[in-house]
Amino acid sequence: MPKTKFQNIVFALMMTFIMVYAMICYNIALNIGGMTNEVFIMALGELKLMWPIAFVLEVFVLERAVIYLFERLIDDHMPLLWMILIRSGLTVCLMCPTMSFVATLLFKDYAQAGMIGTWLQVSALNFPMALAWQIFFGGPLVRWIFRLIFERKSNVVLECE
């Protein structure tokens, strides 16, 4: 979808925002025993810290690994939907344990279970939600908004020429 470095940055900002906010809401709901309206407000506090971390990890650390793996799994004849699902799945496979590690360090009490045990538990709880949210809700929403922004601009430029 993104065709330029600028578009890639915008796409990554949007995707990390929607994923991080949803996952923070999910984790807060797990911690307090259920989803309430207050969870959405409570999540904003963590979002200020976790969104920039996720963005930096996505763009500067993990994106190259995702692209490397992605290019080895696809071929030129594969339908676009499959390519989107593979790319999304690979991103979740790398981002979820990484962000779960960061969240464990920053927000979890791991004195009793230990750091590794707590991180593995957080990752195991987060992974199904992250994958489902990415494939069925967050990913399609961000791609739709991205297309609205960038296809409209490119059509306006074409109409003016």
N, C-alpha and C. Protein backbone atom coordinates (compact mmCIF):
# COMPACT_ATOMS: atom_id res chain seq x y z
N MET A 1 0.81 -1.21 0.00
CA MET A 1 0.00 0.00 0.00
C MET A 1 0.85 1.26 0.00
N PRO A 2 1.69 1.49 1.00
CA PRO A 2 2.52 2.69 0.94
C PRO A 2 3.49 2.60 -0.25
N LYS A 3 3.61 3.71 -0.96
CA LYS A 3 4.47 3.72 -2.14
C LYS A 3 5.73 4.56 -1.94
N THR A 4 5.72 5.44 -0.94
CA THR A 4 6.87 6.29 -0.66
C THR A 4 7.27 6.14 0.80
N LYS A 5 8.43 6.66 1.14
CA LYS A 5 8.88 6.61 2.54
C LYS A 5 7.91 7.39 3.44
N PHE A 6 7.45 8.54 2.95
CA PHE A 6 6.48 9.34 3.71
C PHE A 6 5.21 8.54 3.96
N GLN A 7 4.68 7.90 2.93
CA GLN A 7 3.47 7.09 3.09
C GLN A 7 3.71 5.94 4.05
N ASN A 8 4.90 5.34 4.00
CA ASN A 8 5.24 4.26 4.92
C ASN A 8 5.21 4.75 6.37
N ILE A 9 5.74 5.94 6.61
CA ILE A 9 5.74 6.50 7.96
C ILE A 9 4.30 6.77 8.43
N VAL A 10 3.49 7.36 7.55
CA VAL A 10 2.10 7.65 7.90
C VAL A 10 1.35 6.35 8.20
N PHE A 11 1.54 5.35 7.33
CA PHE A 11 0.88 4.06 7.52
C PHE A 11 1.31 3.44 8.85
N ALA A 12 2.60 3.46 9.14
CA ALA A 12 3.11 2.88 10.39
C ALA A 12 2.58 3.63 11.60
N LEU A 13 2.49 4.95 11.52
CA LEU A 13 1.92 5.73 12.63
C LEU A 13 0.47 5.33 12.89
N MET A 14 -0.30 5.23 11.82
CA MET A 14 -1.70 4.86 11.96
C MET A 14 -1.86 3.44 12.49
N MET A 15 -1.10 2.51 11.91
CA MET A 15 -1.24 1.10 12.31
C MET A 15 -0.78 0.88 13.74
N THR A 16 0.35 1.47 14.12
CA THR A 16 0.81 1.28 15.50
C THR A 16 -0.16 1.93 16.48
N PHE A 17 -0.74 3.06 16.11
CA PHE A 17 -1.72 3.69 17.01
C PHE A 17 -2.90 2.76 17.26
N ILE A 18 -3.51 2.26 16.18
CA ILE A 18 -4.73 1.45 16.32
C ILE A 18 -4.44 0.14 17.04
N MET A 19 -3.27 -0.44 16.76
CA MET A 19 -2.91 -1.71 17.41
C MET A 19 -2.57 -1.49 18.89
N VAL A 20 -1.76 -0.50 19.17
CA VAL A 20 -1.34 -0.26 20.55
C VAL A 20 -2.53 0.13 21.42
N TYR A 21 -3.37 1.03 20.93
CA TYR A 21 -4.51 1.44 21.73
C TYR A 21 -5.44 0.26 22.03
N ALA A 22 -5.72 -0.55 21.02
CA ALA A 22 -6.59 -1.72 21.23
C ALA A 22 -5.96 -2.70 22.22
N MET A 23 -4.67 -2.94 22.08
CA MET A 23 -4.01 -3.91 22.97
C MET A 23 -3.90 -3.39 24.40
N ILE A 24 -3.71 -2.09 24.55
CA ILE A 24 -3.70 -1.52 25.90
C ILE A 24 -5.08 -1.68 26.53
N CYS A 25 -6.12 -1.36 25.78
CA CYS A 25 -7.49 -1.54 26.29
C CYS A 25 -7.72 -2.99 26.70
N TYR A 26 -7.30 -3.90 25.86
CA TYR A 26 -7.45 -5.33 26.13
C TYR A 26 -6.73 -5.72 27.42
N ASN A 27 -5.50 -5.29 27.58
CA ASN A 27 -4.73 -5.65 28.77
C ASN A 27 -5.28 -5.02 30.04
N ILE A 28 -5.73 -3.78 29.95
CA ILE A 28 -6.35 -3.15 31.11
C ILE A 28 -7.62 -3.91 31.49
N ALA A 29 -8.43 -4.26 30.50
CA ALA A 29 -9.66 -5.03 30.77
C ALA A 29 -9.33 -6.36 31.43
N LEU A 30 -8.27 -7.02 30.97
CA LEU A 30 -7.85 -8.28 31.62
C LEU A 30 -7.47 -8.03 33.07
N ASN A 31 -6.73 -6.96 33.31
CA ASN A 31 -6.24 -6.67 34.67
C ASN A 31 -7.35 -6.29 35.64
N ILE A 32 -8.38 -5.61 35.15
CA ILE A 32 -9.45 -5.17 36.08
C ILE A 32 -10.65 -6.11 36.06
N GLY A 33 -10.59 -7.14 35.24
CA GLY A 33 -11.65 -8.14 35.26
C GLY A 33 -12.78 -7.92 34.28
N GLY A 34 -12.63 -7.01 33.36
CA GLY A 34 -13.67 -6.81 32.35
C GLY A 34 -13.56 -5.46 31.68
N MET A 35 -14.30 -5.32 30.60
CA MET A 35 -14.28 -4.09 29.82
C MET A 35 -15.31 -3.11 30.36
N THR A 36 -14.86 -1.90 30.62
CA THR A 36 -15.76 -0.83 31.05
C THR A 36 -15.45 0.41 30.22
N ASN A 37 -16.32 1.41 30.30
CA ASN A 37 -16.07 2.66 29.57
C ASN A 37 -14.80 3.34 30.06
N GLU A 38 -14.47 3.19 31.33
CA GLU A 38 -13.28 3.83 31.89
C GLU A 38 -11.99 3.29 31.27
N VAL A 39 -12.02 2.06 30.77
CA VAL A 39 -10.83 1.46 30.16
C VAL A 39 -10.31 2.34 29.03
N PHE A 40 -11.22 2.91 28.23
CA PHE A 40 -10.80 3.73 27.09
C PHE A 40 -10.02 4.96 27.54
N ILE A 41 -10.42 5.53 28.66
CA ILE A 41 -9.72 6.70 29.20
C ILE A 41 -8.41 6.26 29.85
N MET A 42 -8.45 5.18 30.61
CA MET A 42 -7.25 4.68 31.29
C MET A 42 -6.16 4.34 30.27
N ALA A 43 -6.55 3.85 29.12
CA ALA A 43 -5.58 3.44 28.10
C ALA A 43 -4.79 4.62 27.54
N LEU A 44 -5.35 5.81 27.58
CA LEU A 44 -4.66 6.97 27.02
C LEU A 44 -3.35 7.27 27.74
N GLY A 45 -3.30 6.99 29.04
CA GLY A 45 -2.06 7.21 29.79
C GLY A 45 -0.91 6.34 29.29
N GLU A 46 -1.19 5.06 29.10
CA GLU A 46 -0.15 4.15 28.60
C GLU A 46 0.15 4.41 27.13
N LEU A 47 -0.84 4.86 26.39
CA LEU A 47 -0.67 5.09 24.96
C LEU A 47 0.45 6.09 24.68
N LYS A 48 0.54 7.12 25.51
CA LYS A 48 1.58 8.15 25.31
C LYS A 48 2.98 7.56 25.33
N LEU A 49 3.16 6.49 26.08
CA LEU A 49 4.46 5.84 26.16
C LEU A 49 4.62 4.71 25.15
N MET A 50 3.59 3.89 25.04
CA MET A 50 3.70 2.67 24.23
C MET A 50 3.62 2.92 22.72
N TRP A 51 2.87 3.93 22.29
CA TRP A 51 2.76 4.19 20.85
C TRP A 51 4.10 4.56 20.23
N PRO A 52 4.85 5.52 20.81
CA PRO A 52 6.16 5.82 20.21
C PRO A 52 7.12 4.62 20.24
N ILE A 53 7.05 3.83 21.28
CA ILE A 53 7.91 2.65 21.36
C ILE A 53 7.56 1.68 20.23
N ALA A 54 6.27 1.44 20.05
CA ALA A 54 5.82 0.53 18.99
C ALA A 54 6.22 1.06 17.62
N PHE A 55 6.07 2.34 17.41
CA PHE A 55 6.43 2.93 16.11
C PHE A 55 7.92 2.75 15.82
N VAL A 56 8.75 3.05 16.78
CA VAL A 56 10.20 2.90 16.59
C VAL A 56 10.56 1.44 16.34
N LEU A 57 9.99 0.54 17.13
CA LEU A 57 10.28 -0.88 16.93
C LEU A 57 9.82 -1.35 15.56
N GLU A 58 8.63 -0.93 15.14
CA GLU A 58 8.09 -1.35 13.85
C GLU A 58 8.95 -0.84 12.70
N VAL A 59 9.20 0.46 12.67
CA VAL A 59 9.85 1.08 11.51
C VAL A 59 11.35 0.84 11.48
N PHE A 60 12.00 0.91 12.62
CA PHE A 60 13.46 0.89 12.64
C PHE A 60 14.08 -0.44 13.05
N VAL A 61 13.29 -1.34 13.63
CA VAL A 61 13.87 -2.59 14.10
C VAL A 61 13.27 -3.80 13.39
N LEU A 62 11.96 -3.94 13.41
CA LEU A 62 11.33 -5.18 12.95
C LEU A 62 10.85 -5.19 11.51
N GLU A 63 10.67 -4.02 10.90
CA GLU A 63 10.15 -3.98 9.54
C GLU A 63 11.04 -4.75 8.55
N ARG A 64 12.33 -4.62 8.68
CA ARG A 64 13.24 -5.33 7.77
C ARG A 64 13.11 -6.84 7.92
N ALA A 65 12.97 -7.30 9.14
CA ALA A 65 12.80 -8.74 9.36
C ALA A 65 11.48 -9.23 8.78
N VAL A 66 10.42 -8.44 8.94
CA VAL A 66 9.12 -8.80 8.38
C VAL A 66 9.22 -8.87 6.85
N ILE A 67 9.84 -7.88 6.25
CA ILE A 67 9.98 -7.86 4.79
C ILE A 67 10.82 -9.05 4.32
N TYR A 68 11.90 -9.35 5.03
CA TYR A 68 12.76 -10.48 4.68
C TYR A 68 11.96 -11.79 4.66
N LEU A 69 11.21 -12.02 5.72
CA LEU A 69 10.39 -13.24 5.81
C LEU A 69 9.27 -13.24 4.78
N PHE A 70 8.64 -12.10 4.62
CA PHE A 70 7.53 -11.96 3.68
C PHE A 70 7.96 -12.31 2.26
N GLU A 71 9.10 -11.79 1.84
CA GLU A 71 9.57 -12.03 0.48
C GLU A 71 9.90 -13.50 0.24
N ARG A 72 10.16 -14.25 1.28
CA ARG A 72 10.46 -15.67 1.13
C ARG A 72 9.20 -16.53 1.13
N LEU A 73 8.09 -15.95 1.53
CA LEU A 73 6.84 -16.71 1.61
C LEU A 73 5.87 -16.45 0.46
N ILE A 74 6.07 -15.39 -0.28
CA ILE A 74 5.12 -15.05 -1.33
C ILE A 74 5.71 -15.34 -2.71
N ASP A 75 4.81 -15.39 -3.69
CA ASP A 75 5.25 -15.43 -5.09
C ASP A 75 4.40 -14.45 -5.88
N ASP A 76 4.79 -14.21 -7.13
CA ASP A 76 4.13 -13.19 -7.95
C ASP A 76 2.68 -13.52 -8.29
N HIS A 77 2.30 -14.77 -8.18
CA HIS A 77 0.95 -15.18 -8.58
C HIS A 77 -0.02 -15.27 -7.41
N MET A 78 0.44 -14.91 -6.24
CA MET A 78 -0.38 -15.01 -5.04
C MET A 78 -1.42 -13.88 -5.02
N PRO A 79 -2.65 -14.19 -4.64
CA PRO A 79 -3.68 -13.14 -4.55
C PRO A 79 -3.30 -12.09 -3.50
N LEU A 80 -3.71 -10.85 -3.76
CA LEU A 80 -3.39 -9.74 -2.86
C LEU A 80 -3.87 -10.00 -1.44
N LEU A 81 -5.04 -10.59 -1.28
CA LEU A 81 -5.56 -10.88 0.06
C LEU A 81 -4.60 -11.77 0.84
N TRP A 82 -4.06 -12.79 0.19
CA TRP A 82 -3.12 -13.68 0.87
C TRP A 82 -1.85 -12.92 1.27
N MET A 83 -1.40 -12.04 0.40
CA MET A 83 -0.20 -11.27 0.72
C MET A 83 -0.44 -10.35 1.92
N ILE A 84 -1.63 -9.74 1.97
CA ILE A 84 -1.97 -8.88 3.11
C ILE A 84 -2.02 -9.71 4.39
N LEU A 85 -2.65 -10.88 4.33
CA LEU A 85 -2.75 -11.74 5.52
C LEU A 85 -1.37 -12.22 5.98
N ILE A 86 -0.52 -12.58 5.05
CA ILE A 86 0.82 -13.04 5.41
C ILE A 86 1.62 -11.91 6.03
N ARG A 87 1.59 -10.75 5.42
CA ARG A 87 2.34 -9.59 5.95
C ARG A 87 1.82 -9.21 7.34
N SER A 88 0.50 -9.19 7.49
CA SER A 88 -0.09 -8.86 8.80
C SER A 88 0.28 -9.90 9.84
N GLY A 89 0.20 -11.16 9.49
CA GLY A 89 0.53 -12.23 10.42
C GLY A 89 1.99 -12.19 10.84
N LEU A 90 2.88 -11.94 9.90
CA LEU A 90 4.31 -11.85 10.23
C LEU A 90 4.59 -10.67 11.16
N THR A 91 3.93 -9.57 10.88
CA THR A 91 4.12 -8.39 11.74
C THR A 91 3.66 -8.68 13.16
N VAL A 92 2.51 -9.31 13.30
CA VAL A 92 2.02 -9.67 14.64
C VAL A 92 2.97 -10.66 15.31
N CYS A 93 3.46 -11.63 14.54
CA CYS A 93 4.38 -12.64 15.11
C CYS A 93 5.65 -12.01 15.69
N LEU A 94 6.09 -10.91 15.13
CA LEU A 94 7.29 -10.25 15.65
C LEU A 94 6.97 -9.13 16.64
N MET A 95 5.94 -8.36 16.34
CA MET A 95 5.61 -7.22 17.21
C MET A 95 4.99 -7.64 18.53
N CYS A 96 4.13 -8.64 18.52
CA CYS A 96 3.43 -9.02 19.74
C CYS A 96 4.37 -9.45 20.87
N PRO A 97 5.28 -10.39 20.63
CA PRO A 97 6.19 -10.74 21.74
C PRO A 97 7.12 -9.59 22.12
N THR A 98 7.49 -8.77 21.15
CA THR A 98 8.37 -7.64 21.45
C THR A 98 7.66 -6.61 22.32
N MET A 99 6.46 -6.23 21.92
CA MET A 99 5.70 -5.26 22.71
C MET A 99 5.25 -5.85 24.04
N SER A 100 4.98 -7.14 24.07
CA SER A 100 4.63 -7.80 25.34
C SER A 100 5.82 -7.75 26.30
N PHE A 101 7.01 -7.88 25.76
CA PHE A 101 8.22 -7.77 26.59
C PHE A 101 8.35 -6.36 27.18
N VAL A 102 8.15 -5.36 26.34
CA VAL A 102 8.21 -3.97 26.80
C VAL A 102 7.15 -3.73 27.87
N ALA A 103 5.93 -4.18 27.63
CA ALA A 103 4.85 -4.00 28.60
C ALA A 103 5.14 -4.74 29.90
N THR A 104 5.75 -5.92 29.80
CA THR A 104 6.10 -6.67 31.00
C THR A 104 7.11 -5.89 31.83
N LEU A 105 8.11 -5.35 31.17
CA LEU A 105 9.13 -4.55 31.87
C LEU A 105 8.53 -3.32 32.55
N LEU A 106 7.63 -2.65 31.84
CA LEU A 106 7.12 -1.37 32.33
C LEU A 106 5.93 -1.48 33.28
N PHE A 107 5.07 -2.49 33.10
CA PHE A 107 3.80 -2.47 33.81
C PHE A 107 3.49 -3.70 34.66
N LYS A 108 4.26 -4.75 34.54
CA LYS A 108 3.92 -5.99 35.24
C LYS A 108 4.79 -6.18 36.48
N ASP A 109 4.20 -6.81 37.48
CA ASP A 109 4.94 -7.23 38.66
C ASP A 109 5.40 -8.66 38.41
N TYR A 110 6.65 -8.81 38.08
CA TYR A 110 7.16 -10.13 37.72
C TYR A 110 8.07 -10.71 38.81
N ALA A 111 7.97 -10.19 40.02
CA ALA A 111 8.83 -10.66 41.10
C ALA A 111 8.57 -12.14 41.42
N GLN A 112 7.31 -12.56 41.47
CA GLN A 112 7.00 -13.93 41.85
C GLN A 112 7.20 -14.93 40.72
N ALA A 113 6.64 -14.65 39.57
CA ALA A 113 6.71 -15.59 38.45
C ALA A 113 8.02 -15.50 37.69
N GLY A 114 8.74 -14.41 37.86
CA GLY A 114 9.96 -14.20 37.11
C GLY A 114 9.68 -13.47 35.81
N MET A 115 10.70 -12.83 35.32
CA MET A 115 10.56 -12.03 34.11
C MET A 115 10.14 -12.87 32.90
N ILE A 116 10.82 -13.96 32.66
CA ILE A 116 10.55 -14.77 31.47
C ILE A 116 9.15 -15.39 31.54
N GLY A 117 8.79 -15.94 32.68
CA GLY A 117 7.47 -16.54 32.83
C GLY A 117 6.36 -15.53 32.64
N THR A 118 6.52 -14.35 33.21
CA THR A 118 5.51 -13.30 33.07
C THR A 118 5.42 -12.84 31.62
N TRP A 119 6.57 -12.64 30.97
CA TRP A 119 6.58 -12.22 29.57
C TRP A 119 5.91 -13.26 28.67
N LEU A 120 6.21 -14.54 28.90
CA LEU A 120 5.59 -15.58 28.08
C LEU A 120 4.08 -15.63 28.29
N GLN A 121 3.64 -15.43 29.52
CA GLN A 121 2.20 -15.42 29.78
C GLN A 121 1.54 -14.21 29.11
N VAL A 122 2.14 -13.05 29.24
CA VAL A 122 1.60 -11.85 28.60
C VAL A 122 1.55 -12.04 27.09
N SER A 123 2.61 -12.59 26.52
CA SER A 123 2.65 -12.83 25.07
C SER A 123 1.55 -13.81 24.65
N ALA A 124 1.39 -14.87 25.41
CA ALA A 124 0.37 -15.88 25.07
C ALA A 124 -1.04 -15.30 25.16
N LEU A 125 -1.28 -14.43 26.12
CA LEU A 125 -2.60 -13.80 26.24
C LEU A 125 -2.82 -12.76 25.14
N ASN A 126 -1.76 -12.06 24.76
CA ASN A 126 -1.89 -10.99 23.78
C ASN A 126 -1.96 -11.48 22.33
N PHE A 127 -1.27 -12.57 22.02
CA PHE A 127 -1.14 -12.98 20.63
C PHE A 127 -2.47 -13.22 19.92
N PRO A 128 -3.38 -14.02 20.48
CA PRO A 128 -4.65 -14.24 19.75
C PRO A 128 -5.43 -12.94 19.52
N MET A 129 -5.44 -12.07 20.51
CA MET A 129 -6.15 -10.80 20.38
C MET A 129 -5.47 -9.93 19.33
N ALA A 130 -4.14 -9.84 19.36
CA ALA A 130 -3.41 -9.01 18.40
C ALA A 130 -3.64 -9.50 16.98
N LEU A 131 -3.59 -10.80 16.78
CA LEU A 131 -3.77 -11.36 15.44
C LEU A 131 -5.19 -11.12 14.94
N ALA A 132 -6.18 -11.40 15.77
CA ALA A 132 -7.58 -11.19 15.38
C ALA A 132 -7.85 -9.71 15.12
N TRP A 133 -7.38 -8.85 16.01
CA TRP A 133 -7.61 -7.41 15.85
C TRP A 133 -6.96 -6.92 14.56
N GLN A 134 -5.73 -7.36 14.29
CA GLN A 134 -5.01 -6.94 13.09
C GLN A 134 -5.72 -7.41 11.82
N ILE A 135 -6.12 -8.65 11.77
CA ILE A 135 -6.69 -9.21 10.54
C ILE A 135 -8.13 -8.77 10.30
N PHE A 136 -8.93 -8.72 11.34
CA PHE A 136 -10.36 -8.48 11.14
C PHE A 136 -10.82 -7.05 11.37
N PHE A 137 -10.11 -6.26 12.17
CA PHE A 137 -10.61 -4.93 12.50
C PHE A 137 -9.59 -3.83 12.25
N GLY A 138 -8.53 -3.80 13.02
CA GLY A 138 -7.56 -2.71 12.94
C GLY A 138 -6.88 -2.60 11.59
N GLY A 139 -6.40 -3.71 11.06
CA GLY A 139 -5.73 -3.69 9.76
C GLY A 139 -6.63 -3.19 8.64
N PRO A 140 -7.82 -3.76 8.47
CA PRO A 140 -8.71 -3.25 7.42
C PRO A 140 -9.10 -1.78 7.62
N LEU A 141 -9.32 -1.37 8.86
CA LEU A 141 -9.68 0.02 9.13
C LEU A 141 -8.55 0.96 8.71
N VAL A 142 -7.33 0.64 9.11
CA VAL A 142 -6.19 1.50 8.77
C VAL A 142 -5.96 1.52 7.26
N ARG A 143 -6.05 0.38 6.61
CA ARG A 143 -5.86 0.36 5.15
C ARG A 143 -6.94 1.17 4.44
N TRP A 144 -8.17 1.12 4.93
CA TRP A 144 -9.26 1.89 4.35
C TRP A 144 -9.01 3.39 4.51
N ILE A 145 -8.64 3.82 5.73
CA ILE A 145 -8.35 5.24 5.97
C ILE A 145 -7.15 5.68 5.13
N PHE A 146 -6.13 4.83 5.06
CA PHE A 146 -4.94 5.15 4.28
C PHE A 146 -5.31 5.36 2.80
N ARG A 147 -6.14 4.48 2.28
CA ARG A 147 -6.58 4.63 0.88
C ARG A 147 -7.38 5.91 0.69
N LEU A 148 -8.24 6.24 1.65
CA LEU A 148 -9.01 7.49 1.55
C LEU A 148 -8.09 8.70 1.48
N ILE A 149 -7.06 8.70 2.28
CA ILE A 149 -6.14 9.84 2.33
C ILE A 149 -5.30 9.91 1.06
N PHE A 150 -4.66 8.82 0.70
CA PHE A 150 -3.66 8.89 -0.37
C PHE A 150 -4.22 8.67 -1.76
N GLU A 151 -5.28 7.92 -1.92
CA GLU A 151 -5.86 7.77 -3.25
C GLU A 151 -6.62 9.02 -3.65
N ARG A 152 -7.26 9.67 -2.69
CA ARG A 152 -7.97 10.91 -2.98
C ARG A 152 -6.97 11.99 -3.41
N LYS A 153 -5.84 12.09 -2.69
CA LYS A 153 -4.83 13.08 -3.05
C LYS A 153 -4.26 12.81 -4.44
N SER A 154 -3.98 11.56 -4.74
CA SER A 154 -3.42 11.24 -6.06
C SER A 154 -4.45 11.48 -7.16
N ASN A 155 -5.74 11.24 -6.88
CA ASN A 155 -6.78 11.52 -7.88
C ASN A 155 -6.94 13.02 -8.11
N VAL A 156 -6.81 13.82 -7.06
CA VAL A 156 -6.91 15.27 -7.19
C VAL A 156 -5.77 15.79 -8.06
N VAL A 157 -4.57 15.26 -7.84
CA VAL A 157 -3.42 15.67 -8.64
C VAL A 157 -3.64 15.31 -10.10
N LEU A 158 -4.16 14.10 -10.35
CA LEU A 158 -4.41 13.66 -11.73
C LEU A 158 -5.47 14.52 -12.40
N GLU A 159 -6.51 14.91 -11.65
CA GLU A 159 -7.57 15.72 -12.22
C GLU A 159 -7.10 17.13 -12.56
N CYS A 160 -6.13 17.63 -11.81
CA CYS A 160 -5.63 19.00 -12.04
C CYS A 160 -4.67 19.07 -13.21
N GLU A 161 -4.10 17.97 -13.61
CA GLU A 161 -3.10 17.98 -14.68
C GLU A 161 -3.69 18.11 -16.05
